[in-house]
Amino acid sequence: MSIRIASLQRYPVKGLSPETLSCVALTKGDYFPGDRLFAVENGPAGFDPENPQHQSKIKFLMLMRNESLARLRTRYLDAITTLFMEEGGREVARGDLSTREGRLAIEAFFRRFMPKELRGPPKVLTAPEGFRFTDSRRGYVSLINLASVRELETVVGAAVDPLRFRGNIHIEGLAPWAEFDLVGQVLTTSSGVRLKVTKRIERCAATNVDPDTGVRDLEIPKSLMKAYGHFDCGIYAEVLSGGSLAVDERFEAEQPQLAL
């Protein structure tokens, strides 16, 4: 079994648009680099950066409830810690997220952009070291099998953009839904990366939103349950051994060592 990496994506700000990467450097025990570094609090959520605890995504701006976020195109430049935001091809906000002034600029934009969807003042949160604003407590790296997405298209009767599932690694070479059989297994690359697949990813209504238009046009979780009896699409993995990962590189399932 050989699994090809079709694309790599990170989501620097929870709920906002992806950034496509050609390669990435993974670190043992860490999250996908640059992923879910920030979140926008939708009213006070009680997040304590000194004692960060995983919180429900409903406390933040997110696509499941705030589909208008999909109209925004964002990019985060690590070197200058700055978030750039566009709507309709025009820059609507920018801010250095390492500064109070920069965070205030982004927060002011959201107050203008979606006032009726705010439960209180929006606040840009920065993930402390060793923490990320992932949906799952142990959602370190997420993989999406493109064959599963293609089969799902036949169920819903429409094109399904894989970006609806907001995964870090899109993979090819597996049969539809064969990724679920990888849970508990270790995937390796020739560069030495080792990922242990930990669990399936349960899907919510965020996947109903078209990532280009922001229109809530499909019923993905409902379609999954009706056709397959589950809400799952994609798998989570933990990084056992770090190293570089690049588009077109291949994963192999590590063969377990037999006891002598």
Protein backbone atom coordinates (compact mmCIF):
# COMPACT_ATOMS: atom_id res chain seq x y z
CA MET A 1 0.00 0.00 0.00
CA SER A 2 1.44 3.35 -1.08
CA ILE A 3 -0.33 6.58 -0.13
CA ARG A 4 0.54 9.77 -2.01
CA ILE A 5 0.41 13.21 -0.42
CA ALA A 6 -1.75 15.23 -2.83
CA SER A 7 -1.66 18.52 -0.93
CA LEU A 8 -0.77 20.13 2.39
CA GLN A 9 -2.79 22.85 4.13
CA ARG A 10 -2.62 24.81 7.34
CA TYR A 11 -5.28 26.97 8.96
CA PRO A 12 -3.47 29.65 10.99
CA VAL A 13 -6.72 31.12 12.35
CA LYS A 14 -9.51 28.80 13.46
CA GLY A 15 -12.51 29.17 11.16
CA LEU A 16 -10.69 31.18 8.48
CA SER A 17 -9.30 30.15 5.09
CA PRO A 18 -6.52 27.62 4.42
CA GLU A 19 -2.99 28.24 3.22
CA THR A 20 -1.54 25.71 0.79
CA LEU A 21 2.01 24.49 1.43
CA SER A 22 4.48 22.62 -0.75
CA CYS A 23 6.37 21.15 2.20
CA VAL A 24 6.34 21.24 5.97
CA ALA A 25 8.60 20.21 8.86
CA LEU A 26 6.91 18.05 11.48
CA THR A 27 8.15 17.75 15.05
CA LYS A 28 7.70 14.74 17.31
CA GLY A 29 4.69 15.14 19.60
CA ASP A 30 3.74 18.50 18.10
CA TYR A 31 0.87 19.85 16.04
CA PHE A 32 0.88 20.51 12.29
CA PRO A 33 3.14 23.58 11.88
CA GLY A 34 1.35 26.91 11.85
CA ASP A 35 -2.08 25.31 12.25
CA ARG A 36 -4.82 26.78 14.50
CA LEU A 37 -2.39 29.21 16.10
CA PHE A 38 -5.15 31.74 16.66
CA ALA A 39 -8.88 31.84 17.32
CA VAL A 40 -11.42 34.65 17.57
CA GLU A 41 -13.43 34.47 20.76
CA ASN A 42 -17.15 35.14 20.20
CA GLY A 43 -17.81 36.86 23.48
CA PRO A 44 -16.02 35.90 26.72
CA ALA A 45 -15.14 32.20 26.70
CA GLY A 46 -13.06 32.01 29.83
CA PHE A 47 -9.89 30.99 28.01
CA ASP A 48 -6.84 31.31 30.27
CA PRO A 49 -3.52 31.45 28.36
CA GLU A 50 -1.68 30.69 31.59
CA ASN A 51 -3.65 27.45 31.96
CA PRO A 52 -4.93 26.64 28.48
CA GLN A 53 -7.71 24.08 28.33
CA HIS A 54 -9.47 22.66 25.28
CA GLN A 55 -12.78 24.42 24.74
CA SER A 56 -15.77 23.77 22.53
CA LYS A 57 -15.55 25.39 19.10
CA ILE A 58 -18.93 27.04 19.67
CA LYS A 59 -17.13 29.59 21.87
CA PHE A 60 -15.24 30.88 18.83
CA LEU A 61 -16.10 32.26 15.42
CA MET A 62 -16.37 29.16 13.22
CA LEU A 63 -17.98 27.94 10.01
CA MET A 64 -20.52 25.67 11.70
CA ARG A 65 -22.47 28.77 12.78
CA ASN A 66 -20.74 31.65 10.98
CA GLU A 67 -20.72 30.67 7.31
CA SER A 68 -19.98 34.26 6.25
CA LEU A 69 -16.37 33.61 7.33
CA ALA A 70 -15.92 31.59 4.12
CA ARG A 71 -16.17 34.81 2.09
CA LEU A 72 -12.90 35.97 3.57
CA ARG A 73 -9.49 35.12 2.10
CA THR A 74 -6.77 35.30 4.71
CA ARG A 75 -3.04 34.74 4.92
CA TYR A 76 -0.71 34.87 7.86
CA LEU A 77 2.93 35.80 7.38
CA ASP A 78 4.93 34.17 10.18
CA ALA A 79 7.98 36.38 9.67
CA ILE A 80 6.05 39.54 10.54
CA THR A 81 3.29 37.86 12.63
CA THR A 82 0.70 39.66 10.50
CA LEU A 83 -2.73 38.53 9.33
CA PHE A 84 -4.04 39.91 6.03
CA MET A 85 -7.76 39.65 5.24
CA GLU A 86 -9.52 40.15 1.90
CA GLU A 87 -13.14 40.07 0.77
CA GLY A 88 -14.01 40.13 -2.93
CA GLY A 89 -10.38 40.68 -3.86
CA ARG A 90 -10.04 43.80 -1.68
CA GLU A 91 -8.07 44.03 1.55
CA VAL A 92 -10.46 44.70 4.41
CA ALA A 93 -8.15 44.34 7.42
CA ARG A 94 -4.63 43.57 8.50
CA GLY A 95 -2.98 43.34 11.88
CA ASP A 96 0.21 42.23 13.58
CA LEU A 97 -1.19 39.59 15.91
CA SER A 98 1.81 39.89 18.22
CA THR A 99 0.72 43.43 19.16
CA ARG A 100 -2.32 44.78 20.96
CA GLU A 101 -2.91 47.31 18.18
CA GLY A 102 -2.84 44.62 15.50
CA ARG A 103 -5.28 42.39 17.37
CA LEU A 104 -7.60 45.36 17.94
CA ALA A 105 -7.61 46.06 14.18
CA ILE A 106 -8.77 42.51 13.44
CA GLU A 107 -11.34 42.60 16.22
CA ALA A 108 -12.73 45.91 14.91
CA PHE A 109 -13.16 44.34 11.48
CA PHE A 110 -15.23 41.47 12.86
CA ARG A 111 -17.46 43.89 14.77
CA ARG A 112 -18.22 45.58 11.44
CA PHE A 113 -18.39 42.39 9.37
CA MET A 114 -20.78 40.27 11.43
CA PRO A 115 -22.35 42.34 14.24
CA LYS A 116 -25.54 40.22 14.44
CA GLU A 117 -23.53 37.02 14.94
CA LEU A 118 -21.48 38.26 17.89
CA ARG A 119 -22.45 37.25 21.43
CA GLY A 120 -20.04 39.80 22.86
CA PRO A 121 -16.81 41.58 21.96
CA PRO A 122 -14.68 39.51 19.55
CA LYS A 123 -11.20 38.85 20.87
CA VAL A 124 -8.19 37.43 19.05
CA LEU A 125 -6.60 34.66 21.10
CA THR A 126 -3.06 33.34 20.62
CA ALA A 127 -2.29 29.71 21.41
CA PRO A 128 0.37 29.37 24.12
CA GLU A 129 3.33 27.06 23.52
CA GLY A 130 2.21 23.44 23.26
CA PHE A 131 -1.45 24.30 22.69
CA ARG A 132 -3.63 24.79 19.58
CA PHE A 133 -7.25 25.71 18.93
CA THR A 134 -8.15 22.37 17.35
CA ASP A 135 -11.65 20.87 17.43
CA SER A 136 -10.33 17.71 19.07
CA ARG A 137 -8.19 17.55 22.21
CA ARG A 138 -5.78 15.23 20.42
CA GLY A 139 -6.25 16.51 16.87
CA TYR A 140 -2.59 16.97 16.06
CA VAL A 141 -2.52 16.24 12.30
CA SER A 142 -5.56 15.53 10.12
CA LEU A 143 -5.64 13.49 6.91
CA ILE A 144 -8.39 13.41 4.27
CA ASN A 145 -8.71 10.54 1.78
CA LEU A 146 -9.67 12.13 -1.56
CA ALA A 147 -11.20 8.85 -2.76
CA SER A 148 -13.70 9.01 0.10
CA VAL A 149 -14.62 12.57 -0.86
CA ARG A 150 -15.14 11.50 -4.47
CA GLU A 151 -17.43 8.67 -3.42
CA LEU A 152 -19.33 11.04 -1.16
CA GLU A 153 -20.00 13.17 -4.25
CA THR A 154 -22.03 10.31 -5.72
CA VAL A 155 -24.09 10.20 -2.53
CA VAL A 156 -24.88 13.93 -2.37
CA GLY A 157 -25.17 14.29 -6.15
CA ALA A 158 -22.90 17.33 -6.29
CA ALA A 159 -19.25 18.29 -6.31
CA VAL A 160 -17.67 18.24 -2.84
CA ASP A 161 -14.58 20.39 -2.34
CA PRO A 162 -12.18 18.46 -0.05
CA LEU A 163 -11.41 21.78 1.67
CA ARG A 164 -14.83 21.51 3.33
CA PHE A 165 -13.14 19.07 5.72
CA ARG A 166 -10.32 21.47 6.66
CA GLY A 167 -7.65 18.76 6.77
CA ASN A 168 -3.88 19.24 6.87
CA ILE A 169 -2.93 16.41 4.50
CA HIS A 170 -4.94 15.27 1.47
CA ILE A 171 -4.00 11.74 0.43
CA GLU A 172 -4.54 9.50 -2.61
CA GLY A 173 -3.95 5.81 -3.24
CA LEU A 174 -6.47 4.34 -0.82
CA ALA A 175 -9.88 2.90 -1.62
CA PRO A 176 -12.83 4.98 -0.37
CA TRP A 177 -13.07 4.87 3.43
CA ALA A 178 -10.01 2.59 3.72
CA GLU A 179 -8.41 5.30 5.87
CA PHE A 180 -10.55 4.09 8.77
CA ASP A 181 -8.69 0.77 8.68
CA LEU A 182 -5.48 2.67 9.43
CA VAL A 183 -6.55 3.61 12.97
CA GLY A 184 -3.91 2.21 15.30
CA GLN A 185 -1.35 1.83 12.50
CA VAL A 186 1.83 3.83 11.87
CA LEU A 187 2.45 5.58 8.54
CA THR A 188 6.06 6.21 7.52
CA THR A 189 7.88 8.11 4.78
CA SER A 190 11.32 7.62 3.25
CA SER A 191 12.42 10.82 5.01
CA GLY A 192 11.75 9.20 8.39
CA VAL A 193 8.43 10.79 9.36
CA ARG A 194 6.22 8.43 11.39
CA LEU A 195 2.56 9.21 12.07
CA LYS A 196 0.38 7.08 14.33
CA VAL A 197 -3.25 7.17 13.24
CA THR A 198 -5.31 7.70 16.38
CA LYS A 199 -8.98 8.04 15.45
CA ARG A 200 -11.63 8.91 12.89
CA ILE A 201 -12.86 12.49 12.57
CA GLU A 202 -16.55 13.10 13.24
CA ARG A 203 -18.02 15.83 11.07
CA CYS A 204 -20.27 18.76 11.96
CA ALA A 205 -22.37 21.26 10.01
CA ALA A 206 -19.28 23.31 9.09
CA THR A 207 -18.84 20.91 6.16
CA ASN A 208 -22.20 22.04 4.77
CA VAL A 209 -20.65 25.42 3.87
CA ASP A 210 -19.07 25.97 0.45
CA PRO A 211 -15.50 27.13 1.27
CA ASP A 212 -15.51 29.51 -1.72
CA THR A 213 -18.90 31.19 -1.50
CA GLY A 214 -19.91 30.79 2.13
CA VAL A 215 -23.25 29.34 0.98
CA ARG A 216 -24.68 26.55 3.14
CA ASP A 217 -25.55 24.36 0.16
CA LEU A 218 -25.06 20.69 1.17
CA GLU A 219 -25.96 18.39 4.07
CA ILE A 220 -22.72 16.49 4.55
CA PRO A 221 -23.21 14.95 8.05
CA LYS A 222 -26.78 13.95 7.21
CA SER A 223 -25.62 12.40 3.91
CA LEU A 224 -22.82 10.50 5.65
CA MET A 225 -25.19 9.05 8.23
CA LYS A 226 -27.83 8.12 5.66
CA ALA A 227 -25.37 6.40 3.31
CA TYR A 228 -22.80 4.92 5.70
CA GLY A 229 -24.25 5.01 9.20
CA HIS A 230 -21.65 7.41 10.61
CA PHE A 231 -20.65 11.09 10.57
CA ASP A 232 -16.95 10.44 9.89
CA CYS A 233 -14.61 11.66 7.17
CA GLY A 234 -10.85 11.78 7.69
CA ILE A 235 -8.46 10.60 10.39
CA TYR A 236 -6.28 12.16 13.07
CA ALA A 237 -2.65 11.20 13.64
CA GLU A 238 0.10 11.95 16.13
CA VAL A 239 3.70 12.62 15.11
CA LEU A 240 5.91 9.82 16.48
CA SER A 241 9.01 10.88 14.51
CA GLY A 242 9.49 14.28 12.93
CA GLY A 243 11.00 15.33 9.63
CA SER A 244 10.11 16.97 6.35
CA LEU A 245 6.92 16.19 4.47
CA ALA A 246 6.29 17.29 0.89
CA VAL A 247 3.60 17.09 -1.77
CA ASP A 248 3.94 13.89 -3.87
CA GLU A 249 5.85 12.12 -1.09
CA ARG A 250 4.42 8.75 -0.09
CA PHE A 251 3.35 7.08 3.11
CA GLU A 252 3.70 3.35 3.72
CA ALA A 253 2.01 1.43 6.53
CA GLU A 254 4.70 0.30 8.95
CA GLN A 255 4.74 -3.44 9.47
CA PRO A 256 4.42 -4.40 13.15
CA GLN A 257 7.39 -6.19 14.70
CA LEU A 258 6.66 -9.83 15.43
CA ALA A 259 7.46 -11.05 18.92
CA LEU A 260 10.18 -13.73 18.99
